[in-house]
């Protein structure tokens, strides 16, 4: 049965064969925390034709909504809410 571990834990299983002989095995499951992702903007409002740079914080790499590239200037055409998802070196993500 599947389960979701919440902290790093070592699990032990004991098996018994038909002769009553036993053996054990252990497995440690490491639970990595999710990154605390944030964002910064070079401006919260711009005039039509003005550019903005959005940058993610708290992770290793970032994927922005609406095709925005992290740390690269772009010109928004309408008022929009942008969402960033950050991924850390363990592959854990947060938005």
PDB file of N, CA and C in Angstrom:
ATOM      1  N   UNK A   1       0.840  -1.166   0.000  1.00  0.00           N
ATOM      2  CA  UNK A   1       0.000   0.000   0.000  1.00  0.00           C
ATOM      3  C   UNK A   1       0.894   1.241   0.000  1.00  0.00           C
ATOM      4  N   UNK A   2       0.583   2.176  -0.854  1.00  0.00           N
ATOM      5  CA  UNK A   2       1.365   3.410  -0.945  1.00  0.00           C
ATOM      6  C   UNK A   2       1.089   4.302   0.265  1.00  0.00           C
ATOM      7  N   UNK A   3       2.076   5.127   0.613  1.00  0.00           N
ATOM      8  CA  UNK A   3       1.916   6.087   1.693  1.00  0.00           C
ATOM      9  C   UNK A   3       2.801   7.281   1.396  1.00  0.00           C
ATOM     10  N   UNK A   4       2.590   8.360   2.108  1.00  0.00           N
ATOM     11  CA  UNK A   4       3.369   9.577   1.913  1.00  0.00           C
ATOM     12  C   UNK A   4       4.135   9.859   3.198  1.00  0.00           C
ATOM     13  N   UNK A   5       5.460   9.591   3.201  1.00  0.00           N
ATOM     14  CA  UNK A   5       6.237   9.884   4.407  1.00  0.00           C
ATOM     15  C   UNK A   5       6.379  11.397   4.582  1.00  0.00           C
ATOM     16  N   UNK A   6       6.372  11.860   5.823  1.00  0.00           N
ATOM     17  CA  UNK A   6       6.466  13.292   6.087  1.00  0.00           C
ATOM     18  C   UNK A   6       7.842  13.719   6.590  1.00  0.00           C
ATOM     19  N   UNK A   7       8.632  12.766   7.073  1.00  0.00           N
ATOM     20  CA  UNK A   7       9.989  13.051   7.526  1.00  0.00           C
ATOM     21  C   UNK A   7      10.889  11.906   7.093  1.00  0.00           C
ATOM     22  N   UNK A   8      12.191  12.160   7.077  1.00  0.00           N
ATOM     23  CA  UNK A   8      13.141  11.104   6.755  1.00  0.00           C
ATOM     24  C   UNK A   8      13.030  10.015   7.809  1.00  0.00           C
ATOM     25  N   UNK A   9      12.831   8.783   7.355  1.00  0.00           N
ATOM     26  CA  UNK A   9      12.577   7.671   8.263  1.00  0.00           C
ATOM     27  C   UNK A   9      13.266   6.416   7.747  1.00  0.00           C
ATOM     28  N   UNK A  10      13.762   5.592   8.661  1.00  0.00           N
ATOM     29  CA  UNK A  10      14.299   4.283   8.306  1.00  0.00           C
ATOM     30  C   UNK A  10      13.241   3.236   8.632  1.00  0.00           C
ATOM     31  N   UNK A  11      12.902   2.440   7.633  1.00  0.00           N
ATOM     32  CA  UNK A  11      11.897   1.392   7.781  1.00  0.00           C
ATOM     33  C   UNK A  11      12.592   0.039   7.829  1.00  0.00           C
ATOM     34  N   UNK A  12      12.072  -0.856   8.645  1.00  0.00           N
ATOM     35  CA  UNK A  12      12.628  -2.206   8.777  1.00  0.00           C
ATOM     36  C   UNK A  12      11.528  -3.211   8.484  1.00  0.00           C
ATOM     37  N   UNK A  13      11.876  -4.219   7.687  1.00  0.00           N
ATOM     38  CA  UNK A  13      10.946  -5.306   7.412  1.00  0.00           C
ATOM     39  C   UNK A  13      11.604  -6.614   7.842  1.00  0.00           C
ATOM     40  N   UNK A  14      10.830  -7.485   8.444  1.00  0.00           N
ATOM     41  CA  UNK A  14      11.309  -8.805   8.834  1.00  0.00           C
ATOM     42  C   UNK A  14      10.504  -9.844   8.067  1.00  0.00           C
ATOM     43  N   UNK A  15      11.212 -10.727   7.395  1.00  0.00           N
ATOM     44  CA  UNK A  15      10.558 -11.795   6.649  1.00  0.00           C
ATOM     45  C   UNK A  15      10.815 -13.145   7.319  1.00  0.00           C
ATOM     46  N   UNK A  16       9.828 -14.006   7.251  1.00  0.00           N
ATOM     47  CA  UNK A  16       9.941 -15.349   7.824  1.00  0.00           C
ATOM     48  C   UNK A  16       9.597 -16.363   6.739  1.00  0.00           C
ATOM     49  N   UNK A  17      10.485 -17.362   6.530  1.00  0.00           N
ATOM     50  CA  UNK A  17      10.205 -18.387   5.524  1.00  0.00           C
ATOM     51  C   UNK A  17       9.390 -19.528   6.135  1.00  0.00           C
ATOM     52  N   UNK A  18       9.106 -20.544   5.331  1.00  0.00           N
ATOM     53  CA  UNK A  18       8.274 -21.671   5.775  1.00  0.00           C
ATOM     54  C   UNK A  18       8.911 -22.486   6.898  1.00  0.00           C
ATOM     55  N   UNK A  19      10.239 -22.366   7.061  1.00  0.00           N
ATOM     56  CA  UNK A  19      10.944 -23.091   8.113  1.00  0.00           C
ATOM     57  C   UNK A  19      11.040 -22.288   9.408  1.00  0.00           C
ATOM     58  N   UNK A  20      10.491 -21.087   9.414  1.00  0.00           N
ATOM     59  CA  UNK A  20      10.555 -20.251  10.603  1.00  0.00           C
ATOM     60  C   UNK A  20      11.827 -19.417  10.691  1.00  0.00           C
ATOM     61  N   UNK A  21      12.653 -19.479   9.641  1.00  0.00           N
ATOM     62  CA  UNK A  21      13.879 -18.668   9.632  1.00  0.00           C
ATOM     63  C   UNK A  21      13.517 -17.231   9.268  1.00  0.00           C
ATOM     64  N   UNK A  22      14.181 -16.267   9.933  1.00  0.00           N
ATOM     65  CA  UNK A  22      13.867 -14.862   9.697  1.00  0.00           C
ATOM     66  C   UNK A  22      15.108 -14.095   9.273  1.00  0.00           C
ATOM     67  N   UNK A  23      14.853 -12.979   8.631  1.00  0.00           N
ATOM     68  CA  UNK A  23      15.901 -12.048   8.251  1.00  0.00           C
ATOM     69  C   UNK A  23      15.251 -10.675   8.151  1.00  0.00           C
ATOM     70  N   UNK A  24      16.046  -9.646   8.320  1.00  0.00           N
ATOM     71  CA  UNK A  24      15.510  -8.292   8.239  1.00  0.00           C
ATOM     72  C   UNK A  24      16.254  -7.483   7.191  1.00  0.00           C
ATOM     73  N   UNK A  25      15.587  -6.444   6.736  1.00  0.00           N
ATOM     74  CA  UNK A  25      16.180  -5.499   5.793  1.00  0.00           C
ATOM     75  C   UNK A  25      15.682  -4.113   6.172  1.00  0.00           C
ATOM     76  N   UNK A  26      16.520  -3.118   5.984  1.00  0.00           N
ATOM     77  CA  UNK A  26      16.113  -1.740   6.279  1.00  0.00           C
ATOM     78  C   UNK A  26      16.266  -0.882   5.034  1.00  0.00           C
ATOM     79  N   UNK A  27      15.477   0.165   4.989  1.00  0.00           N
ATOM     80  CA  UNK A  27      15.532   1.129   3.888  1.00  0.00           C
ATOM     81  C   UNK A  27      15.235   2.494   4.470  1.00  0.00           C
ATOM     82  N   UNK A  28      16.111   3.458   4.202  1.00  0.00           N
ATOM     83  CA  UNK A  28      15.882   4.830   4.649  1.00  0.00           C
ATOM     84  C   UNK A  28      15.281   5.621   3.501  1.00  0.00           C
ATOM     85  N   UNK A  29      14.165   6.271   3.781  1.00  0.00           N
ATOM     86  CA  UNK A  29      13.507   7.147   2.814  1.00  0.00           C
ATOM     87  C   UNK A  29      13.791   8.580   3.251  1.00  0.00           C
ATOM     88  N   UNK A  30      14.469   9.325   2.376  1.00  0.00           N
ATOM     89  CA  UNK A  30      14.809  10.714   2.668  1.00  0.00           C
ATOM     90  C   UNK A  30      13.698  11.613   2.130  1.00  0.00           C
ATOM     91  N   UNK A  31      13.158  12.451   2.997  1.00  0.00           N
ATOM     92  CA  UNK A  31      12.122  13.405   2.603  1.00  0.00           C
ATOM     93  C   UNK A  31      12.768  14.783   2.567  1.00  0.00           C
ATOM     94  N   UNK A  32      12.884  15.336   1.351  1.00  0.00           N
ATOM     95  CA  UNK A  32      13.461  16.668   1.172  1.00  0.00           C
ATOM     96  C   UNK A  32      12.361  17.721   1.293  1.00  0.00           C
ATOM     97  N   UNK A  33      12.658  18.843   1.930  1.00  0.00           N
ATOM     98  CA  UNK A  33      11.655  19.903   2.024  1.00  0.00           C
ATOM     99  C   UNK A  33      11.439  20.546   0.653  1.00  0.00           C
ATOM    100  N   UNK A  34      10.250  21.092   0.434  1.00  0.00           N
ATOM    101  CA  UNK A  34      10.018  21.820  -0.806  1.00  0.00           C
ATOM    102  C   UNK A  34      10.665  23.202  -0.684  1.00  0.00           C
ATOM    103  N   UNK A  35      11.107  23.771  -1.796  1.00  0.00           N
ATOM    104  CA  UNK A  35      11.747  25.084  -1.717  1.00  0.00           C
ATOM    105  C   UNK A  35      10.724  26.172  -1.373  1.00  0.00           C
ATOM    106  N   UNK A  36      11.211  27.206  -0.731  1.00  0.00           N
ATOM    107  CA  UNK A  36      10.381  28.365  -0.421  1.00  0.00           C
ATOM    108  C   UNK A  36      10.564  29.354  -1.571  1.00  0.00           C
ATOM    109  N   UNK A  37       9.651  29.310  -2.529  1.00  0.00           N
ATOM    110  CA  UNK A  37       9.794  30.082  -3.764  1.00  0.00           C
ATOM    111  C   UNK A  37       9.163  31.462  -3.604  1.00  0.00           C
ATOM    112  N   UNK A  38       9.866  32.461  -4.081  1.00  0.00           N
ATOM    113  CA  UNK A  38       9.366  33.832  -4.091  1.00  0.00           C
ATOM    114  C   UNK A  38       9.632  34.458  -5.446  1.00  0.00           C
ATOM    115  N   UNK A  39       9.292  35.723  -5.580  1.00  0.00           N
ATOM    116  CA  UNK A  39       9.516  36.409  -6.851  1.00  0.00           C
ATOM    117  C   UNK A  39       9.820  37.877  -6.629  1.00  0.00           C
ATOM    118  N   UNK A  40      10.525  38.434  -7.596  1.00  0.00           N
ATOM    119  CA  UNK A  40      10.817  39.862  -7.626  1.00  0.00           C
ATOM    120  C   UNK A  40      10.485  40.387  -9.012  1.00  0.00           C
ATOM    121  N   UNK A  41      10.086  41.649  -9.072  1.00  0.00           N
ATOM    122  CA  UNK A  41       9.805  42.317 -10.347  1.00  0.00           C
ATOM    123  C   UNK A  41      10.571  43.622 -10.384  1.00  0.00           C
ATOM    124  N   UNK A  42      11.111  43.951 -11.552  1.00  0.00           N
ATOM    125  CA  UNK A  42      11.823  45.223 -11.678  1.00  0.00           C
ATOM    126  C   UNK A  42      10.868  46.403 -11.553  1.00  0.00           C
ATOM    127  N   UNK A  43       9.573  46.159 -11.808  1.00  0.00           N
ATOM    128  CA  UNK A  43       8.538  47.183 -11.634  1.00  0.00           C
ATOM    129  C   UNK A  43       7.199  46.480 -11.466  1.00  0.00           C
ATOM    130  N   UNK A  44       6.320  47.048 -10.661  1.00  0.00           N
ATOM    131  CA  UNK A  44       4.986  46.479 -10.503  1.00  0.00           C
ATOM    132  C   UNK A  44       3.986  47.084 -11.476  1.00  0.00           C
ATOM    133  N   UNK A  45       4.361  48.190 -12.098  1.00  0.00           N
ATOM    134  CA  UNK A  45       3.523  48.835 -13.105  1.00  0.00           C
ATOM    135  C   UNK A  45       4.436  49.497 -14.121  1.00  0.00           C
ATOM    136  N   UNK A  46       4.071  49.419 -15.390  1.00  0.00           N
ATOM    137  CA  UNK A  46       4.836  50.058 -16.459  1.00  0.00           C
ATOM    138  C   UNK A  46       3.879  50.727 -17.424  1.00  0.00           C
ATOM    139  N   UNK A  47       4.372  51.712 -18.142  1.00  0.00           N
ATOM    140  CA  UNK A  47       3.587  52.327 -19.201  1.00  0.00           C
ATOM    141  C   UNK A  47       3.566  51.380 -20.395  1.00  0.00           C
ATOM    142  N   UNK A  48       2.578  51.527 -21.251  1.00  0.00           N
ATOM    143  CA  UNK A  48       2.466  50.700 -22.452  1.00  0.00           C
ATOM    144  C   UNK A  48       3.793  50.752 -23.218  1.00  0.00           C
ATOM    145  N   UNK A  49       4.332  49.587 -23.548  1.00  0.00           N
ATOM    146  CA  UNK A  49       5.610  49.501 -24.258  1.00  0.00           C
ATOM    147  C   UNK A  49       6.807  49.384 -23.340  1.00  0.00           C
ATOM    148  N   UNK A  50       6.584  49.550 -22.031  1.00  0.00           N
ATOM    149  CA  UNK A  50       7.676  49.435 -21.066  1.00  0.00           C
ATOM    150  C   UNK A  50       8.004  47.981 -20.767  1.00  0.00           C
ATOM    151  N   UNK A  51       9.226  47.738 -20.344  1.00  0.00           N
ATOM    152  CA  UNK A  51       9.638  46.357 -20.074  1.00  0.00           C
ATOM    153  C   UNK A  51       9.714  46.075 -18.579  1.00  0.00           C
ATOM    154  N   UNK A  52       9.654  44.785 -18.264  1.00  0.00           N
ATOM    155  CA  UNK A  52       9.704  44.298 -16.892  1.00  0.00           C
ATOM    156  C   UNK A  52      10.631  43.093 -16.867  1.00  0.00           C
ATOM    157  N   UNK A  53      11.323  42.907 -15.747  1.00  0.00           N
ATOM    158  CA  UNK A  53      12.127  41.709 -15.534  1.00  0.00           C
ATOM    159  C   UNK A  53      11.578  41.006 -14.301  1.00  0.00           C
ATOM    160  N   UNK A  54      11.197  39.727 -14.441  1.00  0.00           N
ATOM    161  CA  UNK A  54      10.735  38.925 -13.320  1.00  0.00           C
ATOM    162  C   UNK A  54      11.812  37.911 -12.964  1.00  0.00           C
ATOM    163  N   UNK A  55      12.093  37.784 -11.664  1.00  0.00           N
ATOM    164  CA  UNK A  55      13.084  36.803 -11.214  1.00  0.00           C
ATOM    165  C   UNK A  55      12.512  36.006 -10.050  1.00  0.00           C
ATOM    166  N   UNK A  56      12.769  34.709 -10.075  1.00  0.00           N
ATOM    167  CA  UNK A  56      12.363  33.840  -8.996  1.00  0.00           C
ATOM    168  C   UNK A  56      13.439  33.784  -7.929  1.00  0.00           C
ATOM    169  N   UNK A  57      13.028  33.443  -6.699  1.00  0.00           N
ATOM    170  CA  UNK A  57      13.973  33.302  -5.589  1.00  0.00           C
ATOM    171  C   UNK A  57      13.669  32.013  -4.821  1.00  0.00           C
ATOM    172  N   UNK A  58      14.672  31.488  -4.142  1.00  0.00           N
ATOM    173  CA  UNK A  58      14.472  30.374  -3.223  1.00  0.00           C
ATOM    174  C   UNK A  58      14.636  28.983  -3.810  1.00  0.00           C
ATOM    175  N   UNK A  59      14.943  28.871  -5.091  1.00  0.00           N
ATOM    176  CA  UNK A  59      15.112  27.560  -5.720  1.00  0.00           C
ATOM    177  C   UNK A  59      16.328  27.606  -6.639  1.00  0.00           C
ATOM    178  N   UNK A  60      16.490  26.615  -7.472  1.00  0.00           N
ATOM    179  CA  UNK A  60      17.630  26.539  -8.390  1.00  0.00           C
ATOM    180  C   UNK A  60      17.252  26.979  -9.807  1.00  0.00           C
ATOM    181  N   UNK A  61      16.072  26.570 -10.270  1.00  0.00           N
ATOM    182  CA  UNK A  61      15.606  26.971 -11.601  1.00  0.00           C
ATOM    183  C   UNK A  61      14.139  27.363 -11.505  1.00  0.00           C
ATOM    184  N   UNK A  62      13.687  28.142 -12.505  1.00  0.00           N
ATOM    185  CA  UNK A  62      12.358  28.728 -12.443  1.00  0.00           C
ATOM    186  C   UNK A  62      11.646  28.622 -13.784  1.00  0.00           C
ATOM    187  N   UNK A  63      10.346  28.341 -13.716  1.00  0.00           N
ATOM    188  CA  UNK A  63       9.493  28.330 -14.895  1.00  0.00           C
ATOM    189  C   UNK A  63       8.351  29.298 -14.625  1.00  0.00           C
ATOM    190  N   UNK A  64       8.201  30.273 -15.509  1.00  0.00           N
ATOM    191  CA  UNK A  64       7.163  31.288 -15.363  1.00  0.00           C
ATOM    192  C   UNK A  64       5.987  30.995 -16.282  1.00  0.00           C
ATOM    193  N   UNK A  65       4.805  31.426 -15.881  1.00  0.00           N
ATOM    194  CA  UNK A  65       3.621  31.321 -16.742  1.00  0.00           C
ATOM    195  C   UNK A  65       3.747  32.311 -17.902  1.00  0.00           C
ATOM    196  N   UNK A  66       2.944  32.107 -18.891  1.00  0.00           N
ATOM    197  CA  UNK A  66       2.832  33.016 -20.042  1.00  0.00           C
ATOM    198  C   UNK A  66       4.117  33.164 -20.841  1.00  0.00           C
ATOM    199  N   UNK A  67       4.997  32.154 -20.769  1.00  0.00           N
ATOM    200  CA  UNK A  67       6.201  32.161 -21.605  1.00  0.00           C
ATOM    201  C   UNK A  67       7.296  33.109 -21.157  1.00  0.00           C
ATOM    202  N   UNK A  68       7.191  33.654 -19.960  1.00  0.00           N
ATOM    203  CA  UNK A  68       8.215  34.568 -19.448  1.00  0.00           C
ATOM    204  C   UNK A  68       9.462  33.770 -19.084  1.00  0.00           C
ATOM    205  N   UNK A  69      10.623  34.325 -19.394  1.00  0.00           N
ATOM    206  CA  UNK A  69      11.901  33.705 -19.016  1.00  0.00           C
ATOM    207  C   UNK A  69      12.448  34.402 -17.781  1.00  0.00           C
ATOM    208  N   UNK A  70      12.916  33.616 -16.827  1.00  0.00           N
ATOM    209  CA  UNK A  70      13.439  34.162 -15.580  1.00  0.00           C
ATOM    210  C   UNK A  70      14.607  35.103 -15.846  1.00  0.00           C
ATOM    211  N   UNK A  71      14.526  36.311 -15.324  1.00  0.00           N
ATOM    212  CA  UNK A  71      15.621  37.268 -15.417  1.00  0.00           C
ATOM    213  C   UNK A  71      15.795  37.924 -16.775  1.00  0.00           C
ATOM    214  N   UNK A  72      14.837  37.746 -17.686  1.00  0.00           N
ATOM    215  CA  UNK A  72      14.933  38.322 -19.032  1.00  0.00           C
ATOM    216  C   UNK A  72      13.820  39.351 -19.208  1.00  0.00           C
ATOM    217  N   UNK A  73      14.199  40.543 -19.669  1.00  0.00           N
ATOM    218  CA  UNK A  73      13.216  41.612 -19.859  1.00  0.00           C
ATOM    219  C   UNK A  73      12.183  41.222 -20.920  1.00  0.00           C
ATOM    220  N   UNK A  74      10.934  41.610 -20.682  1.00  0.00           N
ATOM    221  CA  UNK A  74       9.868  41.420 -21.667  1.00  0.00           C
ATOM    222  C   UNK A  74       8.906  42.595 -21.564  1.00  0.00           C
ATOM    223  N   UNK A  75       8.067  42.761 -22.578  1.00  0.00           N
ATOM    224  CA  UNK A  75       7.104  43.859 -22.609  1.00  0.00           C
ATOM    225  C   UNK A  75       5.706  43.270 -22.473  1.00  0.00           C
ATOM    226  N   UNK A  76       5.071  43.459 -21.302  1.00  0.00           N
ATOM    227  CA  UNK A  76       3.704  42.950 -21.142  1.00  0.00           C
ATOM    228  C   UNK A  76       2.737  43.782 -21.983  1.00  0.00           C
ATOM    229  N   UNK A  77       1.709  43.128 -22.515  1.00  0.00           N
ATOM    230  CA  UNK A  77       0.743  43.837 -23.349  1.00  0.00           C
ATOM    231  C   UNK A  77      -0.552  44.170 -22.605  1.00  0.00           C
ATOM    232  N   UNK A  78      -0.803  43.461 -21.484  1.00  0.00           N
ATOM    233  CA  UNK A  78      -1.984  43.736 -20.660  1.00  0.00           C
ATOM    234  C   UNK A  78      -1.612  43.492 -19.202  1.00  0.00           C
ATOM    235  N   UNK A  79      -2.450  43.958 -18.298  1.00  0.00           N
ATOM    236  CA  UNK A  79      -2.253  43.667 -16.881  1.00  0.00           C
ATOM    237  C   UNK A  79      -2.452  42.170 -16.688  1.00  0.00           C
ATOM    238  N   UNK A  80      -1.451  41.499 -16.126  1.00  0.00           N
ATOM    239  CA  UNK A  80      -1.462  40.040 -16.010  1.00  0.00           C
ATOM    240  C   UNK A  80      -0.855  39.621 -14.687  1.00  0.00           C
ATOM    241  N   UNK A  81      -1.368  38.548 -14.118  1.00  0.00           N
ATOM    242  CA  UNK A  81      -0.745  37.926 -12.964  1.00  0.00           C
ATOM    243  C   UNK A  81       0.152  36.810 -13.470  1.00  0.00           C
ATOM    244  N   UNK A  82       1.408  36.819 -13.065  1.00  0.00           N
ATOM    245  CA  UNK A  82       2.369  35.810 -13.479  1.00  0.00           C
ATOM    246  C   UNK A  82       2.650  34.861 -12.324  1.00  0.00           C
ATOM    247  N   UNK A  83       2.812  33.599 -12.635  1.00  0.00           N
ATOM    248  CA  UNK A  83       3.082  32.572 -11.634  1.00  0.00           C
ATOM    249  C   UNK A  83       4.436  31.947 -11.928  1.00  0.00           C
ATOM    250  N   UNK A  84       5.231  31.749 -10.875  1.00  0.00           N
ATOM    251  CA  UNK A  84       6.537  31.120 -11.030  1.00  0.00           C
ATOM    252  C   UNK A  84       6.561  29.816 -10.245  1.00  0.00           C
ATOM    253  N   UNK A  85       7.132  28.785 -10.845  1.00  0.00           N
ATOM    254  CA  UNK A  85       7.379  27.513 -10.173  1.00  0.00           C
ATOM    255  C   UNK A  85       8.878  27.329 -10.083  1.00  0.00           C
ATOM    256  N   UNK A  86       9.364  27.124  -8.869  1.00  0.00           N
ATOM    257  CA  UNK A  86      10.797  26.917  -8.648  1.00  0.00           C
ATOM    258  C   UNK A  86      11.092  25.453  -8.386  1.00  0.00           C
ATOM    259  N   UNK A  87      12.225  24.988  -8.890  1.00  0.00           N
ATOM    260  CA  UNK A  87      12.676  23.620  -8.684  1.00  0.00           C
ATOM    261  C   UNK A  87      14.043  23.660  -8.028  1.00  0.00           C
ATOM    262  N   UNK A  88      14.216  22.896  -6.919  1.00  0.00           N
ATOM    263  CA  UNK A  88      15.515  22.871  -6.252  1.00  0.00           C
ATOM    264  C   UNK A  88      16.393  21.758  -6.821  1.00  0.00           C
ATOM    265  N   UNK A  89      17.580  21.609  -6.275  1.00  0.00           N
ATOM    266  CA  UNK A  89      18.526  20.619  -6.793  1.00  0.00           C
ATOM    267  C   UNK A  89      18.084  19.177  -6.562  1.00  0.00           C
ATOM    268  N   UNK A  90      17.114  18.959  -5.669  1.00  0.00           N
ATOM    269  CA  UNK A  90      16.567  17.628  -5.426  1.00  0.00           C
ATOM    270  C   UNK A  90      15.399  17.296  -6.345  1.00  0.00           C
ATOM    271  N   UNK A  91      14.988  18.261  -7.174  1.00  0.00           N
ATOM    272  CA  UNK A  91      13.832  18.068  -8.039  1.00  0.00           C
ATOM    273  C   UNK A  91      12.517  18.402  -7.366  1.00  0.00           C
ATOM    274  N   UNK A  92      12.567  18.950  -6.157  1.00  0.00           N
ATOM    275  CA  UNK A  92      11.352  19.346  -5.447  1.00  0.00           C
ATOM    276  C   UNK A  92      10.893  20.692  -5.989  1.00  0.00           C
ATOM    277  N   UNK A  93       9.563  20.879  -6.103  1.00  0.00           N
ATOM    278  CA  UNK A  93       9.031  22.112  -6.675  1.00  0.00           C
ATOM    279  C   UNK A  93       8.042  22.770  -5.737  1.00  0.00           C
ATOM    280  N   UNK A  94       7.864  24.072  -5.957  1.00  0.00           N
ATOM    281  CA  UNK A  94       6.854  24.853  -5.251  1.00  0.00           C
ATOM    282  C   UNK A  94       6.514  26.033  -6.127  1.00  0.00           C
ATOM    283  N   UNK A  95       5.334  26.596  -5.920  1.00  0.00           N
ATOM    284  CA  UNK A  95       4.863  27.715  -6.746  1.00  0.00           C
ATOM    285  C   UNK A  95       4.600  28.908  -5.874  1.00  0.00           C
TER     286      UNK A  95
END
